[in-house]
Amino acid sequence: MKKSSFFKSLPFKLLVGVVIGILAGLALNANDGTGLTNAILNIVVTLKYVLGQIISFCVPLYSSRICADPASFYCDRCRWTERTAGDGV
């Protein structure tokens, strides 16, 4: 199994996204009061709300699909197969 680079890993990408978000927030806060800054922040807050609603809707659907028929769910990483579905693993 080939070991992936740290820079291509999900935790690194999430950390970079958080740092970019903090820097963008600080930059927009420095220009507080301008119309452009308020417009950008309104768009970001709206996108955050909409994506949060979509995620909140989709996660229970995905979870219920797995719980309804766990024998049909297969995951290479967690080794969940029909053989281990009834073992409580």
PDB file of N, CA and C in Angstrom:
ATOM      1  N   MET A   1       0.845  -1.176   0.000  1.00  0.00           N
ATOM      2  CA  MET A   1       0.000   0.000   0.000  1.00  0.00           C
ATOM      3  C   MET A   1       0.891   1.241   0.000  1.00  0.00           C
ATOM      4  N   LYS A   2       0.668   2.112  -0.949  1.00  0.00           N
ATOM      5  CA  LYS A   2       1.472   3.320  -1.073  1.00  0.00           C
ATOM      6  C   LYS A   2       1.063   4.333  -0.014  1.00  0.00           C
ATOM      7  N   LYS A   3       2.034   4.887   0.660  1.00  0.00           N
ATOM      8  CA  LYS A   3       1.766   5.888   1.689  1.00  0.00           C
ATOM      9  C   LYS A   3       1.575   7.243   1.022  1.00  0.00           C
ATOM     10  N   SER A   4       0.449   7.890   1.321  1.00  0.00           N
ATOM     11  CA  SER A   4       0.162   9.178   0.687  1.00  0.00           C
ATOM     12  C   SER A   4       0.900  10.298   1.415  1.00  0.00           C
ATOM     13  N   SER A   5       1.109  11.362   0.700  1.00  0.00           N
ATOM     14  CA  SER A   5       1.816  12.516   1.234  1.00  0.00           C
ATOM     15  C   SER A   5       0.947  13.225   2.267  1.00  0.00           C
ATOM     16  N   PHE A   6       1.589  13.824   3.260  1.00  0.00           N
ATOM     17  CA  PHE A   6       0.881  14.579   4.282  1.00  0.00           C
ATOM     18  C   PHE A   6       0.163  15.772   3.669  1.00  0.00           C
ATOM     19  N   PHE A   7       0.747  16.349   2.639  1.00  0.00           N
ATOM     20  CA  PHE A   7       0.177  17.539   2.018  1.00  0.00           C
ATOM     21  C   PHE A   7      -1.063  17.228   1.184  1.00  0.00           C
ATOM     22  N   LYS A   8      -1.310  15.965   0.884  1.00  0.00           N
ATOM     23  CA  LYS A   8      -2.507  15.561   0.148  1.00  0.00           C
ATOM     24  C   LYS A   8      -3.568  14.978   1.074  1.00  0.00           C
ATOM     25  N   SER A   9      -3.302  14.944   2.373  1.00  0.00           N
ATOM     26  CA  SER A   9      -4.235  14.340   3.315  1.00  0.00           C
ATOM     27  C   SER A   9      -5.377  15.293   3.654  1.00  0.00           C
ATOM     28  N   LEU A  10      -6.487  14.728   4.080  1.00  0.00           N
ATOM     29  CA  LEU A  10      -7.665  15.521   4.425  1.00  0.00           C
ATOM     30  C   LEU A  10      -7.413  16.455   5.613  1.00  0.00           C
ATOM     31  N   PRO A  11      -6.758  16.014   6.700  1.00  0.00           N
ATOM     32  CA  PRO A  11      -6.518  16.947   7.805  1.00  0.00           C
ATOM     33  C   PRO A  11      -5.693  18.169   7.392  1.00  0.00           C
ATOM     34  N   PHE A  12      -4.713  17.964   6.523  1.00  0.00           N
ATOM     35  CA  PHE A  12      -3.914  19.099   6.063  1.00  0.00           C
ATOM     36  C   PHE A  12      -4.767  20.065   5.248  1.00  0.00           C
ATOM     37  N   LYS A  13      -5.605  19.523   4.359  1.00  0.00           N
ATOM     38  CA  LYS A  13      -6.477  20.370   3.541  1.00  0.00           C
ATOM     39  C   LYS A  13      -7.457  21.143   4.408  1.00  0.00           C
ATOM     40  N   LEU A  14      -8.004  20.489   5.435  1.00  0.00           N
ATOM     41  CA  LEU A  14      -8.918  21.182   6.344  1.00  0.00           C
ATOM     42  C   LEU A  14      -8.211  22.289   7.110  1.00  0.00           C
ATOM     43  N   LEU A  15      -7.002  22.023   7.562  1.00  0.00           N
ATOM     44  CA  LEU A  15      -6.228  23.031   8.290  1.00  0.00           C
ATOM     45  C   LEU A  15      -5.916  24.228   7.398  1.00  0.00           C
ATOM     46  N   VAL A  16      -5.549  23.978   6.154  1.00  0.00           N
ATOM     47  CA  VAL A  16      -5.276  25.076   5.211  1.00  0.00           C
ATOM     48  C   VAL A  16      -6.546  25.887   4.969  1.00  0.00           C
ATOM     49  N   GLY A  17      -7.680  25.215   4.843  1.00  0.00           N
ATOM     50  CA  GLY A  17      -8.945  25.917   4.650  1.00  0.00           C
ATOM     51  C   GLY A  17      -9.308  26.800   5.829  1.00  0.00           C
ATOM     52  N   VAL A  18      -9.065  26.303   7.038  1.00  0.00           N
ATOM     53  CA  VAL A  18      -9.346  27.099   8.239  1.00  0.00           C
ATOM     54  C   VAL A  18      -8.431  28.315   8.301  1.00  0.00           C
ATOM     55  N   VAL A  19      -7.152  28.124   8.009  1.00  0.00           N
ATOM     56  CA  VAL A  19      -6.202  29.240   8.034  1.00  0.00           C
ATOM     57  C   VAL A  19      -6.569  30.296   6.979  1.00  0.00           C
ATOM     58  N   ILE A  20      -6.935  29.844   5.787  1.00  0.00           N
ATOM     59  CA  ILE A  20      -7.343  30.793   4.737  1.00  0.00           C
ATOM     60  C   ILE A  20      -8.603  31.543   5.162  1.00  0.00           C
ATOM     61  N   GLY A  21      -9.536  30.849   5.782  1.00  0.00           N
ATOM     62  CA  GLY A  21     -10.760  31.501   6.262  1.00  0.00           C
ATOM     63  C   GLY A  21     -10.486  32.536   7.336  1.00  0.00           C
ATOM     64  N   ILE A  22      -9.580  32.215   8.248  1.00  0.00           N
ATOM     65  CA  ILE A  22      -9.225  33.179   9.303  1.00  0.00           C
ATOM     66  C   ILE A  22      -8.559  34.404   8.694  1.00  0.00           C
ATOM     67  N   LEU A  23      -7.633  34.180   7.775  1.00  0.00           N
ATOM     68  CA  LEU A  23      -6.948  35.319   7.143  1.00  0.00           C
ATOM     69  C   LEU A  23      -7.922  36.180   6.334  1.00  0.00           C
ATOM     70  N   ALA A  24      -8.848  35.538   5.620  1.00  0.00           N
ATOM     71  CA  ALA A  24      -9.839  36.302   4.849  1.00  0.00           C
ATOM     72  C   ALA A  24     -10.742  37.099   5.789  1.00  0.00           C
ATOM     73  N   GLY A  25     -11.134  36.502   6.896  1.00  0.00           N
ATOM     74  CA  GLY A  25     -11.965  37.208   7.871  1.00  0.00           C
ATOM     75  C   GLY A  25     -11.254  38.405   8.474  1.00  0.00           C
ATOM     76  N   LEU A  26      -9.978  38.228   8.788  1.00  0.00           N
ATOM     77  CA  LEU A  26      -9.207  39.352   9.331  1.00  0.00           C
ATOM     78  C   LEU A  26      -9.041  40.460   8.301  1.00  0.00           C
ATOM     79  N   ALA A  27      -8.813  40.086   7.045  1.00  0.00           N
ATOM     80  CA  ALA A  27      -8.650  41.091   5.990  1.00  0.00           C
ATOM     81  C   ALA A  27      -9.956  41.849   5.761  1.00  0.00           C
ATOM     82  N   LEU A  28     -11.074  41.139   5.770  1.00  0.00           N
ATOM     83  CA  LEU A  28     -12.355  41.812   5.583  1.00  0.00           C
ATOM     84  C   LEU A  28     -12.732  42.659   6.792  1.00  0.00           C
ATOM     85  N   ASN A  29     -12.316  42.246   7.962  1.00  0.00           N
ATOM     86  CA  ASN A  29     -12.610  43.005   9.171  1.00  0.00           C
ATOM     87  C   ASN A  29     -11.797  44.299   9.217  1.00  0.00           C
ATOM     88  N   ALA A  30     -10.630  44.303   8.610  1.00  0.00           N
ATOM     89  CA  ALA A  30      -9.798  45.505   8.592  1.00  0.00           C
ATOM     90  C   ALA A  30     -10.461  46.604   7.765  1.00  0.00           C
ATOM     91  N   ASN A  31     -11.232  46.224   6.747  1.00  0.00           N
ATOM     92  CA  ASN A  31     -11.944  47.175   5.901  1.00  0.00           C
ATOM     93  C   ASN A  31     -13.391  47.318   6.344  1.00  0.00           C
ATOM     94  N   ASP A  32     -13.644  47.215   7.625  1.00  0.00           N
ATOM     95  CA  ASP A  32     -15.002  47.200   8.153  1.00  0.00           C
ATOM     96  C   ASP A  32     -15.767  48.468   7.763  1.00  0.00           C
ATOM     97  N   GLY A  33     -17.004  48.272   7.334  1.00  0.00           N
ATOM     98  CA  GLY A  33     -17.868  49.393   7.043  1.00  0.00           C
ATOM     99  C   GLY A  33     -18.090  49.665   5.575  1.00  0.00           C
ATOM    100  N   THR A  34     -17.257  49.142   4.703  1.00  0.00           N
ATOM    101  CA  THR A  34     -17.470  49.398   3.285  1.00  0.00           C
ATOM    102  C   THR A  34     -18.581  48.503   2.757  1.00  0.00           C
ATOM    103  N   GLY A  35     -19.230  48.943   1.699  1.00  0.00           N
ATOM    104  CA  GLY A  35     -20.328  48.182   1.112  1.00  0.00           C
ATOM    105  C   GLY A  35     -19.881  46.861   0.527  1.00  0.00           C
ATOM    106  N   LEU A  36     -18.698  46.849  -0.079  1.00  0.00           N
ATOM    107  CA  LEU A  36     -18.175  45.619  -0.675  1.00  0.00           C
ATOM    108  C   LEU A  36     -17.910  44.567   0.396  1.00  0.00           C
ATOM    109  N   THR A  37     -17.358  44.988   1.515  1.00  0.00           N
ATOM    110  CA  THR A  37     -17.073  44.051   2.605  1.00  0.00           C
ATOM    111  C   THR A  37     -18.362  43.434   3.131  1.00  0.00           C
ATOM    112  N   ASN A  38     -19.378  44.258   3.336  1.00  0.00           N
ATOM    113  CA  ASN A  38     -20.657  43.737   3.829  1.00  0.00           C
ATOM    114  C   ASN A  38     -21.290  42.783   2.822  1.00  0.00           C
ATOM    115  N   ALA A  39     -21.179  43.091   1.544  1.00  0.00           N
ATOM    116  CA  ALA A  39     -21.744  42.213   0.516  1.00  0.00           C
ATOM    117  C   ALA A  39     -21.039  40.857   0.507  1.00  0.00           C
ATOM    118  N   ILE A  40     -19.720  40.872   0.587  1.00  0.00           N
ATOM    119  CA  ILE A  40     -18.954  39.622   0.598  1.00  0.00           C
ATOM    120  C   ILE A  40     -19.305  38.788   1.819  1.00  0.00           C
ATOM    121  N   LEU A  41     -19.376  39.421   2.974  1.00  0.00           N
ATOM    122  CA  LEU A  41     -19.696  38.690   4.203  1.00  0.00           C
ATOM    123  C   LEU A  41     -21.124  38.154   4.172  1.00  0.00           C
ATOM    124  N   ASN A  42     -22.066  38.890   3.593  1.00  0.00           N
ATOM    125  CA  ASN A  42     -23.440  38.384   3.464  1.00  0.00           C
ATOM    126  C   ASN A  42     -23.489  37.161   2.569  1.00  0.00           C
ATOM    127  N   ILE A  43     -22.723  37.161   1.498  1.00  0.00           N
ATOM    128  CA  ILE A  43     -22.680  35.999   0.603  1.00  0.00           C
ATOM    129  C   ILE A  43     -22.084  34.792   1.319  1.00  0.00           C
ATOM    130  N   VAL A  44     -21.006  35.005   2.057  1.00  0.00           N
ATOM    131  CA  VAL A  44     -20.355  33.905   2.782  1.00  0.00           C
ATOM    132  C   VAL A  44     -21.295  33.322   3.837  1.00  0.00           C
ATOM    133  N   VAL A  45     -21.982  34.177   4.576  1.00  0.00           N
ATOM    134  CA  VAL A  45     -22.898  33.700   5.615  1.00  0.00           C
ATOM    135  C   VAL A  45     -24.064  32.937   4.983  1.00  0.00           C
ATOM    136  N   THR A  46     -24.570  33.418   3.856  1.00  0.00           N
ATOM    137  CA  THR A  46     -25.662  32.725   3.171  1.00  0.00           C
ATOM    138  C   THR A  46     -25.214  31.349   2.682  1.00  0.00           C
ATOM    139  N   LEU A  47     -24.041  31.280   2.058  1.00  0.00           N
ATOM    140  CA  LEU A  47     -23.520  29.984   1.592  1.00  0.00           C
ATOM    141  C   LEU A  47     -23.298  29.028   2.755  1.00  0.00           C
ATOM    142  N   LYS A  48     -22.803  29.546   3.864  1.00  0.00           N
ATOM    143  CA  LYS A  48     -22.584  28.715   5.047  1.00  0.00           C
ATOM    144  C   LYS A  48     -23.903  28.130   5.543  1.00  0.00           C
ATOM    145  N   TYR A  49     -24.939  28.953   5.571  1.00  0.00           N
ATOM    146  CA  TYR A  49     -26.245  28.488   6.031  1.00  0.00           C
ATOM    147  C   TYR A  49     -26.815  27.420   5.092  1.00  0.00           C
ATOM    148  N   VAL A  50     -26.775  27.681   3.788  1.00  0.00           N
ATOM    149  CA  VAL A  50     -27.343  26.745   2.812  1.00  0.00           C
ATOM    150  C   VAL A  50     -26.594  25.408   2.847  1.00  0.00           C
ATOM    151  N   LEU A  51     -25.270  25.450   2.861  1.00  0.00           N
ATOM    152  CA  LEU A  51     -24.498  24.201   2.912  1.00  0.00           C
ATOM    153  C   LEU A  51     -24.747  23.449   4.217  1.00  0.00           C
ATOM    154  N   GLY A  52     -24.892  24.170   5.307  1.00  0.00           N
ATOM    155  CA  GLY A  52     -25.205  23.528   6.589  1.00  0.00           C
ATOM    156  C   GLY A  52     -26.546  22.814   6.549  1.00  0.00           C
ATOM    157  N   GLN A  53     -27.540  23.441   5.899  1.00  0.00           N
ATOM    158  CA  GLN A  53     -28.853  22.817   5.779  1.00  0.00           C
ATOM    159  C   GLN A  53     -28.798  21.560   4.902  1.00  0.00           C
ATOM    160  N   ILE A  54     -28.040  21.632   3.822  1.00  0.00           N
ATOM    161  CA  ILE A  54     -27.908  20.464   2.938  1.00  0.00           C
ATOM    162  C   ILE A  54     -27.228  19.311   3.667  1.00  0.00           C
ATOM    163  N   ILE A  55     -26.163  19.617   4.395  1.00  0.00           N
ATOM    164  CA  ILE A  55     -25.459  18.573   5.146  1.00  0.00           C
ATOM    165  C   ILE A  55     -26.360  17.990   6.224  1.00  0.00           C
ATOM    166  N   SER A  56     -27.092  18.847   6.930  1.00  0.00           N
ATOM    167  CA  SER A  56     -28.000  18.372   7.985  1.00  0.00           C
ATOM    168  C   SER A  56     -29.101  17.482   7.424  1.00  0.00           C
ATOM    169  N   PHE A  57     -29.489  17.705   6.179  1.00  0.00           N
ATOM    170  CA  PHE A  57     -30.507  16.881   5.546  1.00  0.00           C
ATOM    171  C   PHE A  57     -29.928  15.560   5.047  1.00  0.00           C
ATOM    172  N   CYS A  58     -28.724  15.589   4.489  1.00  0.00           N
ATOM    173  CA  CYS A  58     -28.161  14.407   3.831  1.00  0.00           C
ATOM    174  C   CYS A  58     -27.558  13.392   4.802  1.00  0.00           C
ATOM    175  N   VAL A  59     -26.984  13.824   5.892  1.00  0.00           N
ATOM    176  CA  VAL A  59     -26.316  12.896   6.817  1.00  0.00           C
ATOM    177  C   VAL A  59     -27.287  11.880   7.396  1.00  0.00           C
ATOM    178  N   PRO A  60     -28.462  12.279   7.884  1.00  0.00           N
ATOM    179  CA  PRO A  60     -29.390  11.245   8.386  1.00  0.00           C
ATOM    180  C   PRO A  60     -29.852  10.283   7.298  1.00  0.00           C
ATOM    181  N   LEU A  61     -30.007  10.772   6.067  1.00  0.00           N
ATOM    182  CA  LEU A  61     -30.398   9.876   4.979  1.00  0.00           C
ATOM    183  C   LEU A  61     -29.337   8.814   4.744  1.00  0.00           C
ATOM    184  N   TYR A  62     -28.081   9.217   4.738  1.00  0.00           N
ATOM    185  CA  TYR A  62     -26.987   8.287   4.531  1.00  0.00           C
ATOM    186  C   TYR A  62     -26.897   7.309   5.703  1.00  0.00           C
ATOM    187  N   SER A  63     -27.052   7.812   6.922  1.00  0.00           N
ATOM    188  CA  SER A  63     -26.972   6.948   8.105  1.00  0.00           C
ATOM    189  C   SER A  63     -28.103   5.935   8.121  1.00  0.00           C
ATOM    190  N   SER A  64     -29.303   6.361   7.746  1.00  0.00           N
ATOM    191  CA  SER A  64     -30.430   5.429   7.762  1.00  0.00           C
ATOM    192  C   SER A  64     -30.271   4.365   6.682  1.00  0.00           C
ATOM    193  N   ARG A  65     -29.622   4.700   5.580  1.00  0.00           N
ATOM    194  CA  ARG A  65     -29.377   3.721   4.525  1.00  0.00           C
ATOM    195  C   ARG A  65     -28.446   2.624   5.024  1.00  0.00           C
ATOM    196  N   ILE A  66     -27.429   3.001   5.768  1.00  0.00           N
ATOM    197  CA  ILE A  66     -26.479   2.018   6.294  1.00  0.00           C
ATOM    198  C   ILE A  66     -27.151   1.151   7.359  1.00  0.00           C
ATOM    199  N   CYS A  67     -27.931   1.774   8.238  1.00  0.00           N
ATOM    200  CA  CYS A  67     -28.551   1.026   9.331  1.00  0.00           C
ATOM    201  C   CYS A  67     -29.686   0.132   8.844  1.00  0.00           C
ATOM    202  N   ALA A  68     -30.358   0.532   7.755  1.00  0.00           N
ATOM    203  CA  ALA A  68     -31.486  -0.256   7.271  1.00  0.00           C
ATOM    204  C   ALA A  68     -31.026  -1.602   6.710  1.00  0.00           C
ATOM    205  N   ASP A  69     -29.924  -1.614   5.995  1.00  0.00           N
ATOM    206  CA  ASP A  69     -29.433  -2.847   5.390  1.00  0.00           C
ATOM    207  C   ASP A  69     -27.908  -2.870   5.470  1.00  0.00           C
ATOM    208  N   PRO A  70     -27.360  -3.114   6.665  1.00  0.00           N
ATOM    209  CA  PRO A  70     -25.904  -3.061   6.809  1.00  0.00           C
ATOM    210  C   PRO A  70     -25.177  -4.129   6.003  1.00  0.00           C
ATOM    211  N   ALA A  71     -25.860  -5.201   5.637  1.00  0.00           N
ATOM    212  CA  ALA A  71     -25.190  -6.256   4.881  1.00  0.00           C
ATOM    213  C   ALA A  71     -24.848  -5.801   3.473  1.00  0.00           C
ATOM    214  N   SER A  72     -25.585  -4.814   2.967  1.00  0.00           N
ATOM    215  CA  SER A  72     -25.309  -4.350   1.608  1.00  0.00           C
ATOM    216  C   SER A  72     -24.226  -3.280   1.580  1.00  0.00           C
ATOM    217  N   PHE A  73     -23.840  -2.783   2.741  1.00  0.00           N
ATOM    218  CA  PHE A  73     -22.827  -1.737   2.800  1.00  0.00           C
ATOM    219  C   PHE A  73     -21.449  -2.373   2.823  1.00  0.00           C
ATOM    220  N   TYR A  74     -20.568  -1.857   1.997  1.00  0.00           N
ATOM    221  CA  TYR A  74     -19.214  -2.390   1.950  1.00  0.00           C
ATOM    222  C   TYR A  74     -18.216  -1.245   1.930  1.00  0.00           C
ATOM    223  N   CYS A  75     -17.244  -1.331   2.792  1.00  0.00           N
ATOM    224  CA  CYS A  75     -16.236  -0.279   2.889  1.00  0.00           C
ATOM    225  C   CYS A  75     -14.869  -0.937   2.975  1.00  0.00           C
ATOM    226  N   ASP A  76     -13.974  -0.615   2.047  1.00  0.00           N
ATOM    227  CA  ASP A  76     -12.637  -1.201   2.054  1.00  0.00           C
ATOM    228  C   ASP A  76     -11.836  -0.805   3.278  1.00  0.00           C
ATOM    229  N   ARG A  77     -11.997   0.429   3.702  1.00  0.00           N
ATOM    230  CA  ARG A  77     -11.171   0.900   4.823  1.00  0.00           C
ATOM    231  C   ARG A  77     -11.560   0.249   6.145  1.00  0.00           C
ATOM    232  N   CYS A  78     -12.868   0.128   6.392  1.00  0.00           N
ATOM    233  CA  CYS A  78     -13.281  -0.404   7.691  1.00  0.00           C
ATOM    234  C   CYS A  78     -13.555  -1.902   7.647  1.00  0.00           C
ATOM    235  N   ARG A  79     -13.422  -2.501   6.457  1.00  0.00           N
ATOM    236  CA  ARG A  79     -13.600  -3.938   6.275  1.00  0.00           C
ATOM    237  C   ARG A  79     -15.001  -4.394   6.684  1.00  0.00           C
ATOM    238  N   TRP A  80     -15.992  -3.575   6.404  1.00  0.00           N
ATOM    239  CA  TRP A  80     -17.376  -3.920   6.717  1.00  0.00           C
ATOM    240  C   TRP A  80     -17.929  -4.744   5.560  1.00  0.00           C
ATOM    241  N   THR A  81     -18.236  -5.988   5.810  1.00  0.00           N
ATOM    242  CA  THR A  81     -18.760  -6.869   4.771  1.00  0.00           C
ATOM    243  C   THR A  81     -19.934  -7.653   5.346  1.00  0.00           C
ATOM    244  N   GLU A  82     -20.538  -8.491   4.519  1.00  0.00           N
ATOM    245  CA  GLU A  82     -21.628  -9.338   4.997  1.00  0.00           C
ATOM    246  C   GLU A  82     -21.150 -10.274   6.102  1.00  0.00           C
ATOM    247  N   ARG A  83     -19.906 -10.686   6.004  1.00  0.00           N
ATOM    248  CA  ARG A  83     -19.364 -11.629   7.001  1.00  0.00           C
ATOM    249  C   ARG A  83     -19.333 -11.014   8.400  1.00  0.00           C
ATOM    250  N   THR A  84     -19.006  -9.716   8.506  1.00  0.00           N
ATOM    251  CA  THR A  84     -18.897  -9.090   9.812  1.00  0.00           C
ATOM    252  C   THR A  84     -20.114  -8.282  10.186  1.00  0.00           C
ATOM    253  N   ALA A  85     -21.138  -8.247   9.322  1.00  0.00           N
ATOM    254  CA  ALA A  85     -22.310  -7.410   9.588  1.00  0.00           C
ATOM    255  C   ALA A  85     -23.046  -7.824  10.847  1.00  0.00           C
ATOM    256  N   GLY A  86     -23.131  -9.096  11.125  1.00  0.00           N
ATOM    257  CA  GLY A  86     -23.856  -9.561  12.301  1.00  0.00           C
ATOM    258  C   GLY A  86     -23.000  -9.705  13.542  1.00  0.00           C
ATOM    259  N   ASP A  87     -21.693  -9.479  13.423  1.00  0.00           N
ATOM    260  CA  ASP A  87     -20.810  -9.672  14.564  1.00  0.00           C
ATOM    261  C   ASP A  87     -20.793  -8.493  15.517  1.00  0.00           C
ATOM    262  N   GLY A  88     -21.402  -7.379  15.136  1.00  0.00           N
ATOM    263  CA  GLY A  88     -21.366  -6.191  15.981  1.00  0.00           C
ATOM    264  C   GLY A  88     -20.023  -5.495  15.937  1.00  0.00           C
ATOM    265  N   VAL A  89     -19.254  -5.750  14.903  1.00  0.00           N
ATOM    266  CA  VAL A  89     -17.920  -5.168  14.773  1.00  0.00           C
ATOM    267  C   VAL A  89     -18.020  -3.797  14.184  1.00  0.00           C
TER     268      VAL A  89
END
